[in-house]
């Protein structure tokens, strides 16, 4: 059975999401540009309460494992990410539902977050596939995923929230090259 835990790097700590994170995540979620290409919008505290509740319900069903992302450099929570569509039967999972406060865009936060999650997935859980999915209109997210070294597989039409999505993946044969690539970015 897959087992998940906190993950920590030089700059970020991925903390298992709890209801206590609702307020700091709501504070981090105030910029409207965060939600421009995200399938939902967080505008009110009640929206964030619902976001956290649904994530925790998904964790209870073993379908996902959500994290609050803590930036040790800034000393605060700056976003959220999760393992989702967890399939132990097929030995794979997705990484997604990621958003960050704009103040950490184009910093090492996302790179280190994804590195920690991929490392755990391939080296501890030993999955045979990690998928990362983004909408076709989210060019910033596509560039970030491609920068990781994920392989673009194709477009899923009208998949979630009536939107088209691009699916990327990384498999074990690619992990060594991807990990070296990300470690290089983190040393910059």
Protein backbone atom coordinates (compact mmCIF):
# COMPACT_ATOMS: atom_id res chain seq x y z
CA UNK A 1 0.00 0.00 0.00
CA UNK A 2 1.30 3.46 -0.93
CA UNK A 3 2.32 5.49 2.08
CA UNK A 4 2.83 9.26 1.97
CA UNK A 5 4.62 11.71 4.24
CA UNK A 6 5.98 15.26 4.45
CA UNK A 7 8.69 16.05 1.92
CA UNK A 8 11.41 18.61 2.52
CA UNK A 9 14.08 20.22 0.40
CA UNK A 10 16.40 23.17 0.76
CA UNK A 11 13.70 25.80 0.10
CA UNK A 12 10.32 24.07 0.40
CA UNK A 13 8.54 21.78 2.80
CA UNK A 14 5.50 19.89 1.57
CA UNK A 15 3.25 19.47 4.58
CA UNK A 16 0.29 17.05 4.49
CA UNK A 17 -2.75 19.28 4.07
CA UNK A 18 -4.92 19.86 7.15
CA UNK A 19 -7.89 22.11 7.90
CA UNK A 20 -5.51 24.37 9.84
CA UNK A 21 -3.92 25.33 6.49
CA UNK A 22 -7.15 26.92 5.24
CA UNK A 23 -6.35 30.42 6.48
CA UNK A 24 -2.69 30.60 5.35
CA UNK A 25 -3.61 29.13 1.97
CA UNK A 26 -6.44 31.62 1.57
CA UNK A 27 -3.93 34.41 2.27
CA UNK A 28 -1.62 32.98 -0.41
CA UNK A 29 -4.49 32.66 -2.90
CA UNK A 30 -5.49 36.32 -3.16
CA UNK A 31 -4.05 37.17 -6.59
CA UNK A 32 -6.69 36.68 -9.32
CA UNK A 33 -4.02 35.66 -11.87
CA UNK A 34 -3.51 32.39 -9.95
CA UNK A 35 -6.94 31.26 -11.09
CA UNK A 36 -6.79 32.45 -14.73
CA UNK A 37 -6.13 28.91 -16.04
CA UNK A 38 -7.12 26.84 -13.03
CA UNK A 39 -10.38 24.88 -13.31
CA UNK A 40 -11.80 26.53 -10.17
CA UNK A 41 -11.51 29.97 -8.61
CA UNK A 42 -10.88 30.75 -4.96
CA UNK A 43 -12.49 34.11 -4.18
CA UNK A 44 -13.81 33.69 -0.64
CA UNK A 45 -12.72 31.99 2.54
CA UNK A 46 -15.65 29.59 2.02
CA UNK A 47 -14.18 28.69 -1.40
CA UNK A 48 -10.89 27.78 0.28
CA UNK A 49 -12.70 25.81 2.99
CA UNK A 50 -14.42 23.83 0.24
CA UNK A 51 -11.11 23.33 -1.62
CA UNK A 52 -9.44 21.97 1.54
CA UNK A 53 -12.45 19.81 2.48
CA UNK A 54 -12.63 18.19 -0.95
CA UNK A 55 -8.89 17.51 -0.90
CA UNK A 56 -9.14 15.90 2.54
CA UNK A 57 -12.12 13.80 1.41
CA UNK A 58 -10.04 12.61 -1.55
CA UNK A 59 -7.24 11.66 0.83
CA UNK A 60 -9.69 9.68 3.00
CA UNK A 61 -10.70 7.72 -0.11
CA UNK A 62 -6.99 7.12 -0.96
CA UNK A 63 -7.54 8.88 -4.30
CA UNK A 64 -5.17 11.75 -3.62
CA UNK A 65 -2.64 13.07 -1.16
CA UNK A 66 -2.68 16.88 -0.88
CA UNK A 67 0.08 19.11 0.46
CA UNK A 68 0.36 22.70 1.62
CA UNK A 69 3.59 24.14 0.21
CA UNK A 70 5.69 26.04 2.76
CA UNK A 71 8.45 28.31 1.44
CA UNK A 72 11.21 28.29 4.04
CA UNK A 73 12.86 31.34 2.47
CA UNK A 74 9.71 33.46 2.84
CA UNK A 75 8.60 31.72 6.04
CA UNK A 76 5.03 31.11 4.91
CA UNK A 77 2.68 28.86 2.96
CA UNK A 78 2.67 29.82 -0.72
CA UNK A 79 0.38 27.27 -2.39
CA UNK A 80 -0.77 23.72 -2.69
CA UNK A 81 -0.07 20.62 -4.76
CA UNK A 82 -0.95 16.96 -4.55
CA UNK A 83 -0.58 13.43 -5.75
CA UNK A 84 -3.89 12.57 -7.35
CA UNK A 85 -5.58 9.87 -9.37
CA UNK A 86 -3.59 7.44 -7.26
CA UNK A 87 -3.88 3.92 -8.65
CA UNK A 88 -2.05 1.30 -6.64
CA UNK A 89 -3.57 -1.39 -8.86
CA UNK A 90 -1.83 0.16 -11.87
CA UNK A 91 1.18 1.41 -9.89
CA UNK A 92 0.86 5.00 -11.05
CA UNK A 93 -0.33 8.42 -10.02
CA UNK A 94 -0.59 12.02 -11.15
CA UNK A 95 0.98 15.14 -9.76
CA UNK A 96 -1.23 18.17 -10.06
CA UNK A 97 -3.84 20.53 -8.74
CA UNK A 98 -0.85 22.83 -8.18
CA UNK A 99 -1.08 26.55 -7.59
CA UNK A 100 1.25 29.12 -6.05
CA UNK A 101 1.16 32.75 -5.01
CA UNK A 102 2.68 34.85 -7.82
CA UNK A 103 5.52 35.99 -5.55
CA UNK A 104 7.10 32.53 -5.98
CA UNK A 105 6.51 32.20 -9.73
CA UNK A 106 9.81 31.88 -11.60
CA UNK A 107 11.65 30.89 -8.42
CA UNK A 108 12.89 27.45 -7.42
CA UNK A 109 9.69 26.64 -5.50
CA UNK A 110 7.90 24.68 -8.23
CA UNK A 111 11.07 22.97 -9.46
CA UNK A 112 11.98 21.76 -5.98
CA UNK A 113 8.38 20.78 -5.20
CA UNK A 114 8.11 18.65 -8.34
CA UNK A 115 11.59 17.19 -7.78
CA UNK A 116 10.68 16.07 -4.25
CA UNK A 117 7.37 14.57 -5.40
CA UNK A 118 8.88 12.78 -8.40
CA UNK A 119 11.80 11.46 -6.34
CA UNK A 120 9.41 10.07 -3.74
CA UNK A 121 7.16 8.57 -6.42
CA UNK A 122 9.96 6.81 -8.30
CA UNK A 123 12.43 5.99 -5.54
CA UNK A 124 10.18 5.24 -2.56
CA UNK A 125 6.81 4.24 -4.04
CA UNK A 126 8.50 2.81 -7.15
CA UNK A 127 5.64 3.73 -9.47
CA UNK A 128 5.80 2.85 -13.14
CA UNK A 129 4.31 6.13 -14.34
CA UNK A 130 3.71 9.69 -13.17
CA UNK A 131 1.30 11.85 -15.16
CA UNK A 132 1.10 15.62 -15.13
CA UNK A 133 -1.88 17.25 -16.81
CA UNK A 134 -2.63 20.88 -17.67
CA UNK A 135 -5.20 22.71 -19.74
CA UNK A 136 -4.40 23.55 -23.36
CA UNK A 137 -4.70 27.29 -22.68
CA UNK A 138 -2.23 27.29 -19.74
CA UNK A 139 1.00 28.01 -21.60
CA UNK A 140 2.92 28.92 -18.41
CA UNK A 141 2.10 25.52 -16.88
CA UNK A 142 2.99 23.71 -20.11
CA UNK A 143 6.42 25.38 -20.16
CA UNK A 144 6.97 24.47 -16.51
CA UNK A 145 6.04 20.81 -17.12
CA UNK A 146 8.21 20.60 -20.23
CA UNK A 147 11.09 22.18 -18.28
CA UNK A 148 10.84 19.23 -15.85
CA UNK A 149 11.58 16.85 -18.71
CA UNK A 150 8.13 15.25 -18.91
CA UNK A 151 7.08 13.78 -22.26
CA UNK A 152 4.05 15.30 -23.97
CA UNK A 153 1.68 12.48 -24.92
CA UNK A 154 -1.37 14.21 -26.36
CA UNK A 155 -4.60 16.10 -25.76
CA UNK A 156 -7.56 14.83 -23.76
CA UNK A 157 -10.63 16.59 -25.13
CA UNK A 158 -13.33 17.80 -22.71
CA UNK A 159 -11.77 15.72 -19.93
CA UNK A 160 -12.31 17.66 -16.70
CA UNK A 161 -14.52 20.71 -16.14
CA UNK A 162 -15.43 20.58 -19.87
CA UNK A 163 -11.88 21.68 -20.82
CA UNK A 164 -9.23 20.21 -23.08
CA UNK A 165 -6.05 19.03 -21.36
CA UNK A 166 -2.52 18.11 -22.41
CA UNK A 167 -1.18 14.97 -20.76
CA UNK A 168 2.52 14.55 -19.96
CA UNK A 169 4.27 11.64 -18.29
CA UNK A 170 7.52 10.42 -16.85
CA UNK A 171 8.35 6.71 -16.57
CA UNK A 172 11.13 4.96 -14.59
CA UNK A 173 13.44 4.69 -17.62
CA UNK A 174 13.42 8.51 -17.83
CA UNK A 175 13.70 9.27 -14.11
CA UNK A 176 17.51 9.27 -13.90
CA UNK A 177 17.85 11.88 -16.67
CA UNK A 178 14.94 13.92 -15.28
CA UNK A 179 16.38 13.84 -11.76
CA UNK A 180 19.81 15.02 -12.98
CA UNK A 181 18.14 17.78 -14.98
CA UNK A 182 16.16 18.99 -11.96
CA UNK A 183 19.14 18.73 -9.62
CA UNK A 184 21.05 20.91 -12.08
CA UNK A 185 18.28 23.53 -11.99
CA UNK A 186 18.26 23.44 -8.19
CA UNK A 187 22.01 24.07 -8.03
CA UNK A 188 21.71 27.27 -10.12
